[in-house]
Amino acid sequence: MHESTMPAIINTDSLKSSLLQSCDTNTVNRWSVADIVALFELPFSDLMYQAQTVHRAYFDPNAVQVSTLLSIKTGGCSEDCGYCPQAARYHTEVENEPLMKLDDVLIAAQEAKDNGASRFCMGAAWRGPKQRDLEPVLKMIAEVKAMGLETCATLGMLKEGQAEQLKEAGLDYYNHNLDTAPEFYGEVITTRTYQDRLETLDRVRNVDINVCSGGIIGMGESRNQRAGLLAQLANMERPPESVPINLLTQVEGTPLHGTDVLDPMEFVRTIAAARIIMPTSYVRLSAGRQSMHEGIQALCFLAGANSIFYGEKLLTTANPEASEDKKLFAKLGINSI
């Protein structure tokens, strides 16, 4: 993809044909960081037009997939992710809690389903699960699946054989974010490498579990580094089926508390760029929504975001209540799926 092939105003039919070709499984579509930066630098209306055109080529523009995320094991993590209040080494208000009981998880899953969620995600603050940790989670996955919900888990790095067990239990999606571009990664995390993350994603992909992987925007990275994150995701052999784009939620006691707040329009541009370069992926407007005016959220949906989390919390940080999301959906004419 070169700048000459991405004019400011594009023909809808020709773009759709081009994108269908680029998404052919026999075609490797590589996006350079420079290509993606060029998208970021388009006039805002042109960028939104291109993103909306791509979005309509592959998705219902008025439908948003709804998930709920539950922290089934909170706090006490040995990692040093600079954004995370669950790291044991940081002095935050998050306490180390044991793994939730199965019955409590199923009650939360039923509530999520009643509120319109179609996918139930379970997150545990582990560097990676030990086998004794994994056994009860496998039971949770099987029981939630039996309720008619799609299942997702984020448990940290997976060892050999663990992805196979998750697949057998009925896991539909595994979330493992890349967080940021490779060249900025060491500024945020030192206790695991970028390659560690890629290897876990490979294990998930190799057993045919859907991949959910994205990153966090607003951690002090440059625009080029935001583009670098998107390039990593888009250039995978198969881009993630679900791409969560998180806005940094600053928590006192974490190293990234006090970072300059990202301009909301830059966040919208990131959503739009993700939509253009990953046309068949669900792009999730994820953490940080609590701080966004509904007008910014509306622009994100216009830019191609078509997935959100319902529920008052995302692991340990605030999220808009489901009732507020339903009101916003009604204003925008959006249907939840």
C-alpha atoms as a PDB file:
ATOM      1  CA  MET A   1       0.000   0.000   0.000  1.00  0.00           C
ATOM      2  CA  HIS A   2       1.530   3.284  -1.102  1.00  0.00           C
ATOM      3  CA  GLU A   3       0.230   6.797  -0.645  1.00  0.00           C
ATOM      4  CA  SER A   4      -0.588   6.986  -4.363  1.00  0.00           C
ATOM      5  CA  THR A   5      -3.122   4.161  -3.946  1.00  0.00           C
ATOM      6  CA  MET A   6      -4.889   5.834  -1.018  1.00  0.00           C
ATOM      7  CA  PRO A   7      -6.303   9.119  -2.394  1.00  0.00           C
ATOM      8  CA  ALA A   8      -8.164  11.491  -0.140  1.00  0.00           C
ATOM      9  CA  ILE A   9     -11.478  10.677  -1.829  1.00  0.00           C
ATOM     10  CA  ILE A  10     -11.912   7.119  -3.047  1.00  0.00           C
ATOM     11  CA  ASN A  11     -14.332   5.134  -5.144  1.00  0.00           C
ATOM     12  CA  THR A  12     -16.316   2.790  -2.907  1.00  0.00           C
ATOM     13  CA  ASP A  13     -16.512  -0.092  -5.390  1.00  0.00           C
ATOM     14  CA  SER A  14     -12.825   0.026  -6.299  1.00  0.00           C
ATOM     15  CA  LEU A  15     -11.778   0.202  -2.637  1.00  0.00           C
ATOM     16  CA  LYS A  16     -13.952  -2.782  -1.755  1.00  0.00           C
ATOM     17  CA  SER A  17     -12.476  -4.768  -4.646  1.00  0.00           C
ATOM     18  CA  SER A  18      -8.949  -3.832  -3.578  1.00  0.00           C
ATOM     19  CA  LEU A  19      -9.555  -4.763   0.049  1.00  0.00           C
ATOM     20  CA  LEU A  20     -11.230  -8.054  -0.856  1.00  0.00           C
ATOM     21  CA  GLN A  21      -8.104  -8.920  -2.852  1.00  0.00           C
ATOM     22  CA  SER A  22      -5.801  -7.907  -0.014  1.00  0.00           C
ATOM     23  CA  CYS A  23      -7.744 -10.102   2.422  1.00  0.00           C
ATOM     24  CA  ASP A  24      -7.510 -13.152   0.163  1.00  0.00           C
ATOM     25  CA  THR A  25      -5.771 -15.884   2.150  1.00  0.00           C
ATOM     26  CA  ASN A  26      -3.317 -16.336  -0.724  1.00  0.00           C
ATOM     27  CA  THR A  27      -2.276 -12.672  -0.647  1.00  0.00           C
ATOM     28  CA  VAL A  28       0.132 -11.188   1.909  1.00  0.00           C
ATOM     29  CA  ASN A  29      -0.841  -7.575   2.527  1.00  0.00           C
ATOM     30  CA  ARG A  30       1.961  -5.690   4.247  1.00  0.00           C
ATOM     31  CA  TRP A  31       1.418  -2.292   5.797  1.00  0.00           C
ATOM     32  CA  SER A  32       4.526  -0.259   6.490  1.00  0.00           C
ATOM     33  CA  VAL A  33       4.643   2.123   9.434  1.00  0.00           C
ATOM     34  CA  ALA A  34       4.974   4.966   6.910  1.00  0.00           C
ATOM     35  CA  ASP A  35       1.774   3.842   5.165  1.00  0.00           C
ATOM     36  CA  ILE A  36      -0.120   3.937   8.449  1.00  0.00           C
ATOM     37  CA  VAL A  37       1.354   7.285   9.504  1.00  0.00           C
ATOM     38  CA  ALA A  38       0.112   8.639   6.157  1.00  0.00           C
ATOM     39  CA  LEU A  39      -3.401   7.568   7.150  1.00  0.00           C
ATOM     40  CA  PHE A  40      -3.064   9.339  10.513  1.00  0.00           C
ATOM     41  CA  GLU A  41      -2.016  12.505   8.697  1.00  0.00           C
ATOM     42  CA  LEU A  42      -4.993  12.676   6.338  1.00  0.00           C
ATOM     43  CA  PRO A  43      -7.465  15.522   6.856  1.00  0.00           C
ATOM     44  CA  PHE A  44      -9.898  14.272   9.485  1.00  0.00           C
ATOM     45  CA  SER A  45     -12.927  14.154   7.184  1.00  0.00           C
ATOM     46  CA  ASP A  46     -10.995  12.189   4.537  1.00  0.00           C
ATOM     47  CA  LEU A  47      -9.738   9.687   7.116  1.00  0.00           C
ATOM     48  CA  MET A  48     -13.246   9.203   8.497  1.00  0.00           C
ATOM     49  CA  TYR A  49     -14.657   8.794   4.988  1.00  0.00           C
ATOM     50  CA  GLN A  50     -12.152   6.083   4.157  1.00  0.00           C
ATOM     51  CA  ALA A  51     -12.702   4.304   7.484  1.00  0.00           C
ATOM     52  CA  GLN A  52     -16.481   4.406   7.126  1.00  0.00           C
ATOM     53  CA  THR A  53     -16.253   3.167   3.529  1.00  0.00           C
ATOM     54  CA  VAL A  54     -14.140   0.187   4.581  1.00  0.00           C
ATOM     55  CA  HIS A  55     -16.402  -0.490   7.557  1.00  0.00           C
ATOM     56  CA  ARG A  56     -19.535  -0.602   5.397  1.00  0.00           C
ATOM     57  CA  ALA A  57     -17.828  -2.983   2.977  1.00  0.00           C
ATOM     58  CA  TYR A  58     -17.525  -5.647   5.691  1.00  0.00           C
ATOM     59  CA  PHE A  59     -19.905  -4.883   8.557  1.00  0.00           C
ATOM     60  CA  ASP A  60     -23.336  -3.566   9.380  1.00  0.00           C
ATOM     61  CA  PRO A  61     -22.462   0.071  10.237  1.00  0.00           C
ATOM     62  CA  ASN A  62     -25.175   0.224  12.896  1.00  0.00           C
ATOM     63  CA  ALA A  63     -24.312  -2.949  14.805  1.00  0.00           C
ATOM     64  CA  VAL A  64     -21.880  -3.249  17.728  1.00  0.00           C
ATOM     65  CA  GLN A  65     -20.757  -6.505  19.325  1.00  0.00           C
ATOM     66  CA  VAL A  66     -21.050  -6.406  23.118  1.00  0.00           C
ATOM     67  CA  SER A  67     -18.806  -8.243  25.570  1.00  0.00           C
ATOM     68  CA  THR A  68     -18.470  -8.230  29.342  1.00  0.00           C
ATOM     69  CA  LEU A  69     -15.132  -8.559  31.135  1.00  0.00           C
ATOM     70  CA  LEU A  70     -14.847 -10.021  34.634  1.00  0.00           C
ATOM     71  CA  SER A  71     -11.709 -10.146  36.769  1.00  0.00           C
ATOM     72  CA  ILE A  72     -11.767 -13.711  38.100  1.00  0.00           C
ATOM     73  CA  LYS A  73      -8.384 -13.332  39.832  1.00  0.00           C
ATOM     74  CA  THR A  74      -7.425  -9.812  40.906  1.00  0.00           C
ATOM     75  CA  GLY A  75      -4.113  -8.324  42.027  1.00  0.00           C
ATOM     76  CA  GLY A  76      -0.802  -9.759  43.123  1.00  0.00           C
ATOM     77  CA  CYS A  77       0.716 -10.019  39.640  1.00  0.00           C
ATOM     78  CA  SER A  78       4.498 -10.367  39.473  1.00  0.00           C
ATOM     79  CA  GLU A  79       4.819  -8.364  36.234  1.00  0.00           C
ATOM     80  CA  ASP A  80       5.909  -4.697  36.063  1.00  0.00           C
ATOM     81  CA  CYS A  81       3.547  -3.375  33.349  1.00  0.00           C
ATOM     82  CA  GLY A  82       3.721   0.369  33.941  1.00  0.00           C
ATOM     83  CA  TYR A  83      -0.001   0.941  33.404  1.00  0.00           C
ATOM     84  CA  CYS A  84      -1.348  -1.860  35.597  1.00  0.00           C
ATOM     85  CA  PRO A  85      -2.651  -1.371  39.148  1.00  0.00           C
ATOM     86  CA  GLN A  86      -2.669  -5.160  39.650  1.00  0.00           C
ATOM     87  CA  ALA A  87       1.138  -5.380  39.755  1.00  0.00           C
ATOM     88  CA  ALA A  88       2.169  -6.398  43.264  1.00  0.00           C
ATOM     89  CA  ARG A  89       5.163  -4.034  43.238  1.00  0.00           C
ATOM     90  CA  TYR A  90       3.036  -0.881  42.878  1.00  0.00           C
ATOM     91  CA  HIS A  91       1.216   0.819  45.726  1.00  0.00           C
ATOM     92  CA  THR A  92      -2.363   1.061  44.477  1.00  0.00           C
ATOM     93  CA  GLU A  93      -5.744   0.396  46.046  1.00  0.00           C
ATOM     94  CA  VAL A  94      -6.062  -2.970  44.296  1.00  0.00           C
ATOM     95  CA  GLU A  95      -5.855  -5.859  46.756  1.00  0.00           C
ATOM     96  CA  ASN A  96      -4.596  -9.359  46.016  1.00  0.00           C
ATOM     97  CA  GLU A  97      -7.690 -11.573  45.825  1.00  0.00           C
ATOM     98  CA  PRO A  98      -8.044 -15.325  45.259  1.00  0.00           C
ATOM     99  CA  LEU A  99      -9.627 -16.929  42.215  1.00  0.00           C
ATOM    100  CA  MET A 100     -13.398 -16.453  42.187  1.00  0.00           C
ATOM    101  CA  LYS A 101     -15.675 -19.397  42.879  1.00  0.00           C
ATOM    102  CA  LEU A 102     -17.421 -21.003  39.925  1.00  0.00           C
ATOM    103  CA  ASP A 103     -20.936 -20.141  41.125  1.00  0.00           C
ATOM    104  CA  ASP A 104     -20.055 -16.447  41.435  1.00  0.00           C
ATOM    105  CA  VAL A 105     -18.606 -16.400  37.923  1.00  0.00           C
ATOM    106  CA  LEU A 106     -21.769 -18.013  36.523  1.00  0.00           C
ATOM    107  CA  ILE A 107     -23.978 -15.446  38.280  1.00  0.00           C
ATOM    108  CA  ALA A 108     -21.926 -12.659  36.671  1.00  0.00           C
ATOM    109  CA  ALA A 109     -22.136 -14.377  33.286  1.00  0.00           C
ATOM    110  CA  GLN A 110     -25.913 -14.658  33.505  1.00  0.00           C
ATOM    111  CA  GLU A 111     -26.173 -10.978  34.419  1.00  0.00           C
ATOM    112  CA  ALA A 112     -23.988 -10.092  31.442  1.00  0.00           C
ATOM    113  CA  LYS A 113     -26.202 -12.161  29.142  1.00  0.00           C
ATOM    114  CA  ASP A 114     -29.332 -10.523  30.550  1.00  0.00           C
ATOM    115  CA  ASN A 115     -27.803  -7.107  29.787  1.00  0.00           C
ATOM    116  CA  GLY A 116     -27.269  -8.053  26.149  1.00  0.00           C
ATOM    117  CA  ALA A 117     -23.671  -9.265  26.113  1.00  0.00           C
ATOM    118  CA  SER A 118     -22.919 -11.999  23.595  1.00  0.00           C
ATOM    119  CA  ARG A 119     -19.387 -12.720  24.825  1.00  0.00           C
ATOM    120  CA  PHE A 120     -18.129 -13.215  28.373  1.00  0.00           C
ATOM    121  CA  CYS A 121     -14.438 -12.548  29.013  1.00  0.00           C
ATOM    122  CA  MET A 122     -12.571 -13.767  32.091  1.00  0.00           C
ATOM    123  CA  GLY A 123      -9.308 -12.151  33.138  1.00  0.00           C
ATOM    124  CA  ALA A 124      -6.772 -13.317  35.713  1.00  0.00           C
ATOM    125  CA  ALA A 125      -3.796 -11.331  36.989  1.00  0.00           C
ATOM    126  CA  TRP A 126      -1.156 -13.961  36.395  1.00  0.00           C
ATOM    127  CA  ARG A 127       2.163 -13.862  34.582  1.00  0.00           C
ATOM    128  CA  GLY A 128       0.902 -17.145  33.222  1.00  0.00           C
ATOM    129  CA  PRO A 129      -1.321 -19.875  34.703  1.00  0.00           C
ATOM    130  CA  LYS A 130       0.141 -22.872  36.507  1.00  0.00           C
ATOM    131  CA  GLN A 131      -1.697 -26.125  35.817  1.00  0.00           C
ATOM    132  CA  ARG A 132      -3.400 -25.954  39.208  1.00  0.00           C
ATOM    133  CA  ASP A 133      -4.619 -22.465  38.297  1.00  0.00           C
ATOM    134  CA  LEU A 134      -5.864 -23.553  34.900  1.00  0.00           C
ATOM    135  CA  GLU A 135      -8.047 -26.466  36.031  1.00  0.00           C
ATOM    136  CA  PRO A 136     -10.824 -24.387  37.670  1.00  0.00           C
ATOM    137  CA  VAL A 137     -10.723 -21.868  34.806  1.00  0.00           C
ATOM    138  CA  LEU A 138     -11.357 -24.680  32.311  1.00  0.00           C
ATOM    139  CA  LYS A 139     -14.513 -25.537  34.262  1.00  0.00           C
ATOM    140  CA  MET A 140     -15.610 -21.886  34.172  1.00  0.00           C
ATOM    141  CA  ILE A 141     -15.135 -21.749  30.415  1.00  0.00           C
ATOM    142  CA  ALA A 142     -17.146 -24.928  29.842  1.00  0.00           C
ATOM    143  CA  GLU A 143     -20.020 -23.744  32.065  1.00  0.00           C
ATOM    144  CA  VAL A 144     -20.187 -20.250  30.547  1.00  0.00           C
ATOM    145  CA  LYS A 145     -20.123 -21.792  27.066  1.00  0.00           C
ATOM    146  CA  ALA A 146     -23.056 -24.005  28.044  1.00  0.00           C
ATOM    147  CA  MET A 147     -25.040 -20.851  28.888  1.00  0.00           C
ATOM    148  CA  GLY A 148     -24.963 -19.870  25.217  1.00  0.00           C
ATOM    149  CA  LEU A 149     -22.304 -17.171  25.524  1.00  0.00           C
ATOM    150  CA  GLU A 150     -19.096 -16.895  23.534  1.00  0.00           C
ATOM    151  CA  THR A 151     -16.120 -17.317  25.847  1.00  0.00           C
ATOM    152  CA  CYS A 152     -12.911 -15.326  26.094  1.00  0.00           C
ATOM    153  CA  ALA A 153     -10.024 -15.519  28.538  1.00  0.00           C
ATOM    154  CA  THR A 154      -6.934 -13.483  29.307  1.00  0.00           C
ATOM    155  CA  LEU A 155      -4.638 -15.403  31.634  1.00  0.00           C
ATOM    156  CA  GLY A 156      -1.165 -14.226  30.676  1.00  0.00           C
ATOM    157  CA  MET A 157       1.497 -16.247  28.880  1.00  0.00           C
ATOM    158  CA  LEU A 158       0.568 -19.797  27.930  1.00  0.00           C
ATOM    159  CA  LYS A 159       2.890 -22.779  28.212  1.00  0.00           C
ATOM    160  CA  GLU A 160       3.026 -25.668  25.792  1.00  0.00           C
ATOM    161  CA  GLY A 161      -0.195 -27.692  25.915  1.00  0.00           C
ATOM    162  CA  GLN A 162      -2.290 -25.084  27.719  1.00  0.00           C
ATOM    163  CA  ALA A 163      -3.881 -23.629  24.583  1.00  0.00           C
ATOM    164  CA  GLU A 164      -5.012 -27.140  23.663  1.00  0.00           C
ATOM    165  CA  GLN A 165      -6.734 -27.497  27.043  1.00  0.00           C
ATOM    166  CA  LEU A 166      -8.484 -24.154  26.619  1.00  0.00           C
ATOM    167  CA  LYS A 167      -9.681 -25.196  23.165  1.00  0.00           C
ATOM    168  CA  GLU A 168     -11.041 -28.483  24.499  1.00  0.00           C
ATOM    169  CA  ALA A 169     -12.914 -26.620  27.254  1.00  0.00           C
ATOM    170  CA  GLY A 170     -14.693 -24.557  24.594  1.00  0.00           C
ATOM    171  CA  LEU A 171     -12.765 -21.276  24.586  1.00  0.00           C
ATOM    172  CA  ASP A 172     -13.694 -19.090  21.611  1.00  0.00           C
ATOM    173  CA  TYR A 173     -11.242 -16.175  22.037  1.00  0.00           C
ATOM    174  CA  TYR A 174      -7.956 -15.656  23.841  1.00  0.00           C
ATOM    175  CA  ASN A 175      -6.874 -12.103  24.637  1.00  0.00           C
ATOM    176  CA  HIS A 176      -3.184 -11.270  24.813  1.00  0.00           C
ATOM    177  CA  ASN A 177      -2.374  -7.672  23.908  1.00  0.00           C
ATOM    178  CA  LEU A 178       0.873  -6.546  22.315  1.00  0.00           C
ATOM    179  CA  ASP A 179       0.350  -3.271  24.233  1.00  0.00           C
ATOM    180  CA  THR A 180       2.536  -1.039  22.053  1.00  0.00           C
ATOM    181  CA  ALA A 181       5.138  -0.969  19.277  1.00  0.00           C
ATOM    182  CA  PRO A 182       8.257  -3.138  19.723  1.00  0.00           C
ATOM    183  CA  GLU A 183      10.535  -0.106  19.966  1.00  0.00           C
ATOM    184  CA  PHE A 184       8.498   1.443  22.813  1.00  0.00           C
ATOM    185  CA  TYR A 185       7.714  -1.771  24.652  1.00  0.00           C
ATOM    186  CA  GLY A 186      10.763  -1.650  26.945  1.00  0.00           C
ATOM    187  CA  GLU A 187       9.639   1.748  28.257  1.00  0.00           C
ATOM    188  CA  VAL A 188       6.498   0.108  29.662  1.00  0.00           C
ATOM    189  CA  ILE A 189       7.357  -3.514  30.535  1.00  0.00           C
ATOM    190  CA  THR A 190      10.613  -5.310  31.395  1.00  0.00           C
ATOM    191  CA  THR A 191       9.430  -8.592  32.977  1.00  0.00           C
ATOM    192  CA  ARG A 192       8.413 -10.209  29.684  1.00  0.00           C
ATOM    193  CA  THR A 193       9.529  -9.657  26.124  1.00  0.00           C
ATOM    194  CA  TYR A 194       7.651  -8.806  22.969  1.00  0.00           C
ATOM    195  CA  GLN A 195       8.591 -12.240  21.648  1.00  0.00           C
ATOM    196  CA  ASP A 196       6.974 -13.836  24.714  1.00  0.00           C
ATOM    197  CA  ARG A 197       3.693 -12.209  23.710  1.00  0.00           C
ATOM    198  CA  LEU A 198       4.002 -13.287  20.094  1.00  0.00           C
ATOM    199  CA  GLU A 199       4.713 -16.874  21.127  1.00  0.00           C
ATOM    200  CA  THR A 200       1.533 -17.028  23.220  1.00  0.00           C
ATOM    201  CA  LEU A 201      -0.469 -15.692  20.284  1.00  0.00           C
ATOM    202  CA  ASP A 202       1.099 -18.349  18.059  1.00  0.00           C
ATOM    203  CA  ARG A 203       0.071 -21.081  20.510  1.00  0.00           C
ATOM    204  CA  VAL A 204      -3.490 -19.763  20.489  1.00  0.00           C
ATOM    205  CA  ARG A 205      -3.634 -19.500  16.701  1.00  0.00           C
ATOM    206  CA  ASN A 206      -2.149 -22.970  16.211  1.00  0.00           C
ATOM    207  CA  VAL A 207      -5.104 -24.607  17.996  1.00  0.00           C
ATOM    208  CA  ASP A 208      -7.640 -22.496  16.095  1.00  0.00           C
ATOM    209  CA  ILE A 209      -8.791 -20.303  18.970  1.00  0.00           C
ATOM    210  CA  ASN A 210      -9.743 -16.807  17.788  1.00  0.00           C
ATOM    211  CA  VAL A 211      -7.149 -14.168  18.645  1.00  0.00           C
ATOM    212  CA  CYS A 212      -8.026 -11.006  20.534  1.00  0.00           C
ATOM    213  CA  SER A 213      -5.029  -8.673  20.570  1.00  0.00           C
ATOM    214  CA  GLY A 214      -4.566  -4.926  20.539  1.00  0.00           C
ATOM    215  CA  GLY A 215      -2.857  -2.316  22.627  1.00  0.00           C
ATOM    216  CA  ILE A 216      -2.951   0.745  24.827  1.00  0.00           C
ATOM    217  CA  ILE A 217      -2.815   4.262  23.418  1.00  0.00           C
ATOM    218  CA  GLY A 218      -1.659   7.324  25.350  1.00  0.00           C
ATOM    219  CA  MET A 219       1.272   5.854  27.304  1.00  0.00           C
ATOM    220  CA  GLY A 220       3.652   8.535  26.031  1.00  0.00           C
ATOM    221  CA  GLU A 221       4.323   6.866  22.698  1.00  0.00           C
ATOM    222  CA  SER A 222       4.734   8.858  19.485  1.00  0.00           C
ATOM    223  CA  ARG A 223       2.357   8.757  16.537  1.00  0.00           C
ATOM    224  CA  ASN A 224       4.934   6.646  14.684  1.00  0.00           C
ATOM    225  CA  GLN A 225       4.888   4.187  17.564  1.00  0.00           C
ATOM    226  CA  ARG A 226       1.088   4.054  17.533  1.00  0.00           C
ATOM    227  CA  ALA A 227       1.369   3.255  13.835  1.00  0.00           C
ATOM    228  CA  GLY A 228       4.022   0.657  14.688  1.00  0.00           C
ATOM    229  CA  LEU A 229       1.629  -1.171  17.005  1.00  0.00           C
ATOM    230  CA  LEU A 230      -1.051  -1.250  14.307  1.00  0.00           C
ATOM    231  CA  ALA A 231       1.476  -2.504  11.750  1.00  0.00           C
ATOM    232  CA  GLN A 232       2.422  -5.400  14.036  1.00  0.00           C
ATOM    233  CA  LEU A 233      -1.225  -6.425  14.311  1.00  0.00           C
ATOM    234  CA  ALA A 234      -2.187  -5.922  10.666  1.00  0.00           C
ATOM    235  CA  ASN A 235       0.865  -7.765   9.332  1.00  0.00           C
ATOM    236  CA  MET A 236       0.239 -10.978  11.249  1.00  0.00           C
ATOM    237  CA  GLU A 237      -0.331 -13.974   8.981  1.00  0.00           C
ATOM    238  CA  ARG A 238      -3.957 -13.668  10.091  1.00  0.00           C
ATOM    239  CA  PRO A 239      -4.792 -10.379  11.809  1.00  0.00           C
ATOM    240  CA  PRO A 240      -6.632 -10.759  15.131  1.00  0.00           C
ATOM    241  CA  GLU A 241     -10.356 -11.387  14.867  1.00  0.00           C
ATOM    242  CA  SER A 242     -10.799  -8.865  17.672  1.00  0.00           C
ATOM    243  CA  VAL A 243      -8.608  -5.774  18.153  1.00  0.00           C
ATOM    244  CA  PRO A 244      -9.133  -3.896  21.435  1.00  0.00           C
ATOM    245  CA  ILE A 245      -7.873  -0.307  21.344  1.00  0.00           C
ATOM    246  CA  ASN A 246      -7.475   0.897  24.920  1.00  0.00           C
ATOM    247  CA  LEU A 247      -6.958   4.468  26.100  1.00  0.00           C
ATOM    248  CA  LEU A 248      -4.574   4.547  29.065  1.00  0.00           C
ATOM    249  CA  THR A 249      -6.509   4.724  32.322  1.00  0.00           C
ATOM    250  CA  GLN A 250      -4.131   6.403  34.717  1.00  0.00           C
ATOM    251  CA  VAL A 251      -4.074   4.918  38.196  1.00  0.00           C
ATOM    252  CA  GLU A 252      -2.256   6.594  41.064  1.00  0.00           C
ATOM    253  CA  GLY A 253       0.677   4.482  42.210  1.00  0.00           C
ATOM    254  CA  THR A 254       1.553   3.146  38.755  1.00  0.00           C
ATOM    255  CA  PRO A 255       4.584   4.486  36.844  1.00  0.00           C
ATOM    256  CA  LEU A 256       2.434   5.890  34.033  1.00  0.00           C
ATOM    257  CA  HIS A 257       0.298   7.977  36.355  1.00  0.00           C
ATOM    258  CA  GLY A 258       0.831  11.607  35.369  1.00  0.00           C
ATOM    259  CA  THR A 259       1.494  10.888  31.688  1.00  0.00           C
ATOM    260  CA  ASP A 260       0.255  13.662  29.392  1.00  0.00           C
ATOM    261  CA  VAL A 261      -3.322  12.900  28.396  1.00  0.00           C
ATOM    262  CA  LEU A 262      -3.759  11.945  24.746  1.00  0.00           C
ATOM    263  CA  ASP A 263      -5.798  14.279  22.525  1.00  0.00           C
ATOM    264  CA  PRO A 264      -9.175  12.538  22.005  1.00  0.00           C
ATOM    265  CA  MET A 265      -9.046  13.177  18.250  1.00  0.00           C
ATOM    266  CA  GLU A 266      -5.772  11.241  18.056  1.00  0.00           C
ATOM    267  CA  PHE A 267      -7.559   8.321  19.655  1.00  0.00           C
ATOM    268  CA  VAL A 268     -10.322   8.542  17.034  1.00  0.00           C
ATOM    269  CA  ARG A 269      -7.661   8.612  14.301  1.00  0.00           C
ATOM    270  CA  THR A 270      -6.163   5.439  15.772  1.00  0.00           C
ATOM    271  CA  ILE A 271      -9.537   3.680  15.611  1.00  0.00           C
ATOM    272  CA  ALA A 272      -9.982   4.802  11.984  1.00  0.00           C
ATOM    273  CA  ALA A 273      -6.514   3.613  10.957  1.00  0.00           C
ATOM    274  CA  ALA A 274      -7.106   0.250  12.629  1.00  0.00           C
ATOM    275  CA  ARG A 275     -10.363  -0.151  10.738  1.00  0.00           C
ATOM    276  CA  ILE A 276      -8.782   0.641   7.355  1.00  0.00           C
ATOM    277  CA  ILE A 277      -5.813  -1.721   7.696  1.00  0.00           C
ATOM    278  CA  MET A 278      -7.732  -4.562   9.407  1.00  0.00           C
ATOM    279  CA  PRO A 279     -11.031  -4.468   7.512  1.00  0.00           C
ATOM    280  CA  THR A 280     -12.363  -7.850   8.633  1.00  0.00           C
ATOM    281  CA  SER A 281     -11.480  -7.509  12.332  1.00  0.00           C
ATOM    282  CA  TYR A 282     -13.791  -6.327  15.072  1.00  0.00           C
ATOM    283  CA  VAL A 283     -12.233  -3.138  16.443  1.00  0.00           C
ATOM    284  CA  ARG A 284     -13.125  -2.789  20.107  1.00  0.00           C
ATOM    285  CA  LEU A 285     -13.492   0.563  21.823  1.00  0.00           C
ATOM    286  CA  SER A 286     -12.102  -0.724  25.087  1.00  0.00           C
ATOM    287  CA  ALA A 287     -10.600   0.708  28.295  1.00  0.00           C
ATOM    288  CA  GLY A 288     -10.775   4.451  28.845  1.00  0.00           C
ATOM    289  CA  ARG A 289     -14.348   4.908  27.640  1.00  0.00           C
ATOM    290  CA  GLN A 290     -15.352   6.161  31.067  1.00  0.00           C
ATOM    291  CA  SER A 291     -13.347   9.342  30.422  1.00  0.00           C
ATOM    292  CA  MET A 292     -14.719   9.906  26.912  1.00  0.00           C
ATOM    293  CA  HIS A 293     -17.572  12.272  26.161  1.00  0.00           C
ATOM    294  CA  GLU A 294     -20.329  10.477  24.267  1.00  0.00           C
ATOM    295  CA  GLY A 295     -19.526  12.642  21.238  1.00  0.00           C
ATOM    296  CA  ILE A 296     -16.013  11.148  21.080  1.00  0.00           C
ATOM    297  CA  GLN A 297     -17.456   7.662  21.457  1.00  0.00           C
ATOM    298  CA  ALA A 298     -19.848   8.411  18.591  1.00  0.00           C
ATOM    299  CA  LEU A 299     -16.900   9.459  16.411  1.00  0.00           C
ATOM    300  CA  CYS A 300     -15.146   6.204  17.297  1.00  0.00           C
ATOM    301  CA  PHE A 301     -18.168   4.220  16.106  1.00  0.00           C
ATOM    302  CA  LEU A 302     -18.222   6.315  12.944  1.00  0.00           C
ATOM    303  CA  ALA A 303     -14.507   5.545  12.504  1.00  0.00           C
ATOM    304  CA  GLY A 304     -15.227   1.818  12.536  1.00  0.00           C
ATOM    305  CA  ALA A 305     -15.249   0.677  16.163  1.00  0.00           C
ATOM    306  CA  ASN A 306     -17.836  -2.093  16.341  1.00  0.00           C
ATOM    307  CA  SER A 307     -17.276  -3.766  19.685  1.00  0.00           C
ATOM    308  CA  ILE A 308     -17.384  -2.596  23.314  1.00  0.00           C
ATOM    309  CA  PHE A 309     -17.377  -3.939  26.852  1.00  0.00           C
ATOM    310  CA  TYR A 310     -20.581  -3.646  28.866  1.00  0.00           C
ATOM    311  CA  GLY A 311     -20.322  -3.444  32.642  1.00  0.00           C
ATOM    312  CA  GLU A 312     -19.277  -1.038  35.346  1.00  0.00           C
ATOM    313  CA  LYS A 313     -15.695  -2.354  35.556  1.00  0.00           C
ATOM    314  CA  LEU A 314     -12.944  -3.494  33.200  1.00  0.00           C
ATOM    315  CA  LEU A 315     -10.939  -5.731  35.521  1.00  0.00           C
ATOM    316  CA  THR A 316     -10.220  -3.018  38.124  1.00  0.00           C
ATOM    317  CA  THR A 317     -10.936   0.289  36.356  1.00  0.00           C
ATOM    318  CA  ALA A 318     -14.238   2.060  35.766  1.00  0.00           C
ATOM    319  CA  ASN A 319     -16.378   1.549  32.678  1.00  0.00           C
ATOM    320  CA  PRO A 320     -19.714   3.097  31.664  1.00  0.00           C
ATOM    321  CA  GLU A 321     -22.718   1.264  33.083  1.00  0.00           C
ATOM    322  CA  ALA A 322     -24.726  -0.877  30.666  1.00  0.00           C
ATOM    323  CA  SER A 323     -27.725   1.418  31.065  1.00  0.00           C
ATOM    324  CA  GLU A 324     -25.687   4.409  29.870  1.00  0.00           C
ATOM    325  CA  ASP A 325     -24.426   2.454  26.876  1.00  0.00           C
ATOM    326  CA  LYS A 326     -27.979   1.490  25.970  1.00  0.00           C
ATOM    327  CA  LYS A 327     -28.990   5.157  26.052  1.00  0.00           C
ATOM    328  CA  LEU A 328     -26.066   6.077  23.783  1.00  0.00           C
ATOM    329  CA  PHE A 329     -26.897   3.239  21.394  1.00  0.00           C
ATOM    330  CA  ALA A 330     -30.492   4.481  21.221  1.00  0.00           C
ATOM    331  CA  LYS A 331     -29.323   8.021  20.391  1.00  0.00           C
ATOM    332  CA  LEU A 332     -27.074   6.704  17.619  1.00  0.00           C
ATOM    333  CA  GLY A 333     -29.441   4.057  16.263  1.00  0.00           C
ATOM    334  CA  ILE A 334     -26.970   1.276  17.103  1.00  0.00           C
ATOM    335  CA  ASN A 335     -28.052  -2.320  17.656  1.00  0.00           C
ATOM    336  CA  SER A 336     -26.106  -4.577  19.991  1.00  0.00           C
ATOM    337  CA  ILE A 337     -25.051  -8.040  18.800  1.00  0.00           C
END
